Amino acid sequence: MPKKRKSGGRSKGRKGRSKMVQCVSCGSQVPRDKAKKVTQYRSLVDWSLAKELRSQGAYFTRHRIEKYYCISCAVHRRIVKVRAKASRHQKY
């Protein structure tokens, strides 16, 4: 059977087995190097209050939220774009 991608759709290189993560959208188990990671930063302070306090010299820490999506959910939510046919079918 022909191989579709040289990397197998993963970014692990020669690291061996990678840990599994759960997709936020559908809940499926996906290898961590194959999943798409989305990092968001959220402030615990309301933005209008933070704007006033920041002008007075206050500093706020941000809370980091990491989400993992499987490929099908990432395409559905437009995190990953569908590439053109010419760029998909390149020879190695």
N, C-alpha and C. Protein backbone atom coordinates (compact mmCIF):
# COMPACT_ATOMS: atom_id res chain seq x y z
N MET A 1 0.84 -1.17 0.00
CA MET A 1 0.00 0.00 0.00
C MET A 1 0.89 1.24 0.00
N PRO A 2 0.60 2.24 -0.84
CA PRO A 2 1.45 3.43 -0.90
C PRO A 2 1.33 4.27 0.37
N LYS A 3 2.41 4.96 0.67
CA LYS A 3 2.43 5.83 1.84
C LYS A 3 1.97 7.22 1.44
N LYS A 4 0.99 7.78 2.15
CA LYS A 4 0.42 9.06 1.77
C LYS A 4 1.35 10.23 2.12
N ARG A 5 1.93 10.19 3.32
CA ARG A 5 2.81 11.28 3.75
C ARG A 5 4.13 10.72 4.24
N LYS A 6 5.20 11.43 3.97
CA LYS A 6 6.53 11.00 4.42
C LYS A 6 6.61 10.96 5.94
N SER A 7 5.97 11.93 6.58
CA SER A 7 6.00 12.02 8.04
C SER A 7 4.91 11.19 8.71
N GLY A 8 3.98 10.66 7.93
CA GLY A 8 2.86 9.93 8.51
C GLY A 8 1.86 10.85 9.19
N GLY A 9 1.93 12.15 8.90
CA GLY A 9 1.02 13.11 9.51
C GLY A 9 1.42 13.51 10.91
N ARG A 10 2.67 13.23 11.29
CA ARG A 10 3.12 13.51 12.64
C ARG A 10 4.40 14.32 12.61
N SER A 11 4.77 14.87 13.76
CA SER A 11 5.98 15.69 13.82
C SER A 11 6.96 15.17 14.86
N LYS A 12 6.96 13.86 15.09
CA LYS A 12 7.79 13.33 16.16
C LYS A 12 9.21 13.04 15.73
N GLY A 13 9.46 12.90 14.44
CA GLY A 13 10.81 12.56 14.00
C GLY A 13 11.15 11.14 14.39
N ARG A 14 12.26 10.95 15.12
CA ARG A 14 12.66 9.61 15.57
C ARG A 14 12.62 9.50 17.09
N LYS A 15 11.58 10.03 17.70
CA LYS A 15 11.49 10.09 19.16
C LYS A 15 10.85 8.87 19.79
N GLY A 16 10.27 7.98 18.99
CA GLY A 16 9.57 6.84 19.57
C GLY A 16 8.10 7.16 19.80
N ARG A 17 7.54 6.53 20.80
CA ARG A 17 6.11 6.70 21.08
C ARG A 17 5.88 8.01 21.82
N SER A 18 4.83 8.73 21.43
CA SER A 18 4.48 9.98 22.11
C SER A 18 3.20 9.79 22.91
N LYS A 19 3.00 10.65 23.89
CA LYS A 19 1.84 10.53 24.76
C LYS A 19 0.56 10.95 24.02
N MET A 20 -0.55 10.47 24.54
CA MET A 20 -1.84 10.76 23.94
C MET A 20 -2.49 11.94 24.67
N VAL A 21 -3.20 12.76 23.92
CA VAL A 21 -3.99 13.85 24.49
C VAL A 21 -5.42 13.70 24.01
N GLN A 22 -6.33 14.35 24.69
CA GLN A 22 -7.74 14.25 24.34
C GLN A 22 -8.17 15.49 23.58
N CYS A 23 -8.87 15.30 22.48
CA CYS A 23 -9.39 16.41 21.69
C CYS A 23 -10.46 17.14 22.50
N VAL A 24 -10.38 18.47 22.51
CA VAL A 24 -11.32 19.28 23.27
C VAL A 24 -12.71 19.21 22.67
N SER A 25 -12.79 19.11 21.37
CA SER A 25 -14.08 19.16 20.68
C SER A 25 -14.83 17.83 20.72
N CYS A 26 -14.18 16.76 20.24
CA CYS A 26 -14.90 15.48 20.12
C CYS A 26 -14.50 14.46 21.17
N GLY A 27 -13.40 14.68 21.88
CA GLY A 27 -12.99 13.78 22.95
C GLY A 27 -12.17 12.59 22.53
N SER A 28 -11.77 12.50 21.26
CA SER A 28 -10.99 11.36 20.81
C SER A 28 -9.55 11.47 21.29
N GLN A 29 -8.91 10.31 21.46
CA GLN A 29 -7.51 10.27 21.90
C GLN A 29 -6.61 10.40 20.67
N VAL A 30 -5.70 11.38 20.69
CA VAL A 30 -4.83 11.68 19.56
C VAL A 30 -3.40 11.75 20.07
N PRO A 31 -2.40 11.25 19.31
CA PRO A 31 -1.01 11.45 19.73
C PRO A 31 -0.68 12.93 19.83
N ARG A 32 0.10 13.31 20.83
CA ARG A 32 0.37 14.73 21.09
C ARG A 32 1.07 15.42 19.93
N ASP A 33 1.93 14.71 19.22
CA ASP A 33 2.63 15.33 18.10
C ASP A 33 1.78 15.43 16.85
N LYS A 34 0.64 14.74 16.81
CA LYS A 34 -0.25 14.82 15.66
C LYS A 34 -1.36 15.85 15.88
N ALA A 35 -1.70 16.09 17.13
CA ALA A 35 -2.78 17.03 17.47
C ALA A 35 -2.33 18.46 17.23
N LYS A 36 -3.29 19.34 16.99
CA LYS A 36 -3.03 20.77 16.82
C LYS A 36 -3.27 21.46 18.14
N LYS A 37 -2.25 22.18 18.62
CA LYS A 37 -2.33 22.84 19.92
C LYS A 37 -2.67 24.31 19.71
N VAL A 38 -3.66 24.80 20.47
CA VAL A 38 -4.07 26.19 20.44
C VAL A 38 -3.85 26.75 21.83
N THR A 39 -3.06 27.82 21.93
CA THR A 39 -2.77 28.44 23.21
C THR A 39 -3.49 29.77 23.29
N GLN A 40 -4.23 29.98 24.37
CA GLN A 40 -4.93 31.24 24.59
C GLN A 40 -4.49 31.78 25.94
N TYR A 41 -4.42 33.10 26.05
CA TYR A 41 -4.09 33.75 27.30
C TYR A 41 -5.32 34.53 27.76
N ARG A 42 -5.71 34.31 29.01
CA ARG A 42 -6.87 34.99 29.57
C ARG A 42 -6.45 35.73 30.82
N SER A 43 -6.94 36.93 30.95
CA SER A 43 -6.71 37.71 32.15
C SER A 43 -7.86 37.48 33.12
N LEU A 44 -7.56 37.43 34.40
CA LEU A 44 -8.59 37.20 35.40
C LEU A 44 -9.32 38.49 35.77
N VAL A 45 -8.80 39.64 35.29
CA VAL A 45 -9.38 40.94 35.60
C VAL A 45 -10.19 41.41 34.39
N ASP A 46 -11.31 42.05 34.63
CA ASP A 46 -12.14 42.59 33.56
C ASP A 46 -11.34 43.59 32.74
N TRP A 47 -11.53 43.62 31.42
CA TRP A 47 -10.67 44.40 30.53
C TRP A 47 -10.80 45.90 30.77
N SER A 48 -12.01 46.38 31.09
CA SER A 48 -12.18 47.82 31.31
C SER A 48 -11.49 48.26 32.61
N LEU A 49 -11.57 47.44 33.64
CA LEU A 49 -10.88 47.74 34.89
C LEU A 49 -9.37 47.61 34.71
N ALA A 50 -8.96 46.60 33.95
CA ALA A 50 -7.53 46.38 33.72
C ALA A 50 -6.92 47.53 32.93
N LYS A 51 -7.66 48.12 32.01
CA LYS A 51 -7.16 49.24 31.21
C LYS A 51 -6.88 50.45 32.10
N GLU A 52 -7.78 50.72 33.05
CA GLU A 52 -7.57 51.84 33.97
C GLU A 52 -6.39 51.58 34.90
N LEU A 53 -6.32 50.38 35.44
CA LEU A 53 -5.24 50.06 36.37
C LEU A 53 -3.87 49.99 35.67
N ARG A 54 -3.89 49.53 34.41
CA ARG A 54 -2.63 49.46 33.65
C ARG A 54 -2.08 50.85 33.35
N SER A 55 -2.97 51.82 33.16
CA SER A 55 -2.52 53.20 32.93
C SER A 55 -1.87 53.78 34.18
N GLN A 56 -2.22 53.24 35.36
CA GLN A 56 -1.61 53.68 36.60
C GLN A 56 -0.34 52.90 36.95
N GLY A 57 0.00 51.92 36.12
CA GLY A 57 1.26 51.19 36.30
C GLY A 57 1.10 49.80 36.90
N ALA A 58 -0.10 49.27 36.97
CA ALA A 58 -0.31 47.93 37.54
C ALA A 58 0.08 46.87 36.51
N TYR A 59 0.44 45.70 37.00
CA TYR A 59 0.83 44.57 36.15
C TYR A 59 -0.07 43.39 36.48
N PHE A 60 -0.60 42.74 35.45
CA PHE A 60 -1.50 41.61 35.64
C PHE A 60 -0.90 40.36 35.02
N THR A 61 -1.02 39.27 35.73
CA THR A 61 -0.60 37.99 35.16
C THR A 61 -1.74 37.44 34.32
N ARG A 62 -1.37 36.66 33.33
CA ARG A 62 -2.36 36.06 32.46
C ARG A 62 -2.38 34.56 32.69
N HIS A 63 -3.53 33.98 32.52
CA HIS A 63 -3.71 32.54 32.69
C HIS A 63 -3.63 31.89 31.31
N ARG A 64 -2.74 30.93 31.16
CA ARG A 64 -2.55 30.26 29.86
C ARG A 64 -3.47 29.04 29.76
N ILE A 65 -4.20 28.97 28.66
CA ILE A 65 -5.10 27.85 28.40
C ILE A 65 -4.61 27.15 27.13
N GLU A 66 -4.29 25.87 27.24
CA GLU A 66 -3.85 25.09 26.09
C GLU A 66 -4.94 24.10 25.72
N LYS A 67 -5.28 24.09 24.44
CA LYS A 67 -6.31 23.18 23.94
C LYS A 67 -5.70 22.36 22.81
N TYR A 68 -6.04 21.08 22.77
CA TYR A 68 -5.59 20.19 21.71
C TYR A 68 -6.79 19.76 20.88
N TYR A 69 -6.64 19.81 19.56
CA TYR A 69 -7.69 19.40 18.63
C TYR A 69 -7.16 18.29 17.73
N CYS A 70 -8.01 17.31 17.41
CA CYS A 70 -7.65 16.33 16.39
C CYS A 70 -7.73 17.02 15.03
N ILE A 71 -7.17 16.41 14.02
CA ILE A 71 -7.08 17.05 12.71
C ILE A 71 -8.45 17.36 12.13
N SER A 72 -9.39 16.44 12.27
CA SER A 72 -10.71 16.66 11.67
C SER A 72 -11.44 17.82 12.35
N CYS A 73 -11.31 17.94 13.66
CA CYS A 73 -11.94 19.06 14.37
C CYS A 73 -11.22 20.37 14.08
N ALA A 74 -9.90 20.32 13.91
CA ALA A 74 -9.14 21.53 13.60
C ALA A 74 -9.50 22.07 12.22
N VAL A 75 -9.73 21.18 11.26
CA VAL A 75 -10.15 21.61 9.93
C VAL A 75 -11.57 22.16 9.99
N HIS A 76 -12.44 21.50 10.76
CA HIS A 76 -13.82 21.95 10.88
C HIS A 76 -13.92 23.33 11.53
N ARG A 77 -13.09 23.60 12.52
CA ARG A 77 -13.10 24.89 13.21
C ARG A 77 -12.19 25.93 12.55
N ARG A 78 -11.63 25.57 11.40
CA ARG A 78 -10.76 26.44 10.60
C ARG A 78 -9.51 26.89 11.35
N ILE A 79 -8.98 26.02 12.21
CA ILE A 79 -7.68 26.27 12.85
C ILE A 79 -6.58 25.93 11.86
N VAL A 80 -6.81 24.86 11.09
CA VAL A 80 -5.89 24.44 10.03
C VAL A 80 -6.62 24.63 8.71
N LYS A 81 -5.97 25.27 7.76
CA LYS A 81 -6.58 25.50 6.46
C LYS A 81 -6.35 24.30 5.55
N VAL A 82 -7.27 24.08 4.64
CA VAL A 82 -7.11 23.06 3.62
C VAL A 82 -6.21 23.65 2.54
N ARG A 83 -5.11 22.96 2.26
CA ARG A 83 -4.13 23.49 1.31
C ARG A 83 -4.54 23.21 -0.13
N ALA A 84 -3.95 23.97 -1.04
CA ALA A 84 -4.23 23.79 -2.47
C ALA A 84 -3.72 22.44 -2.94
N LYS A 85 -4.27 21.96 -4.03
CA LYS A 85 -3.92 20.64 -4.54
C LYS A 85 -2.43 20.56 -4.92
N ALA A 86 -1.90 21.63 -5.49
CA ALA A 86 -0.49 21.63 -5.90
C ALA A 86 0.45 21.52 -4.70
N SER A 87 0.12 22.17 -3.60
CA SER A 87 0.99 22.10 -2.43
C SER A 87 0.81 20.80 -1.64
N ARG A 88 -0.33 20.14 -1.80
CA ARG A 88 -0.55 18.86 -1.12
C ARG A 88 0.19 17.73 -1.79
N HIS A 89 0.31 17.76 -3.11
CA HIS A 89 0.88 16.65 -3.86
C HIS A 89 2.30 16.95 -4.32
N GLN A 90 3.18 17.23 -3.36
CA GLN A 90 4.59 17.46 -3.71
C GLN A 90 5.35 16.16 -3.56
N LYS A 91 6.32 15.98 -4.44
CA LYS A 91 7.18 14.80 -4.34
C LYS A 91 8.20 15.03 -3.25
N TYR A 92 8.63 13.96 -2.60
CA TYR A 92 9.61 14.09 -1.52
C TYR A 92 10.98 14.29 -2.10
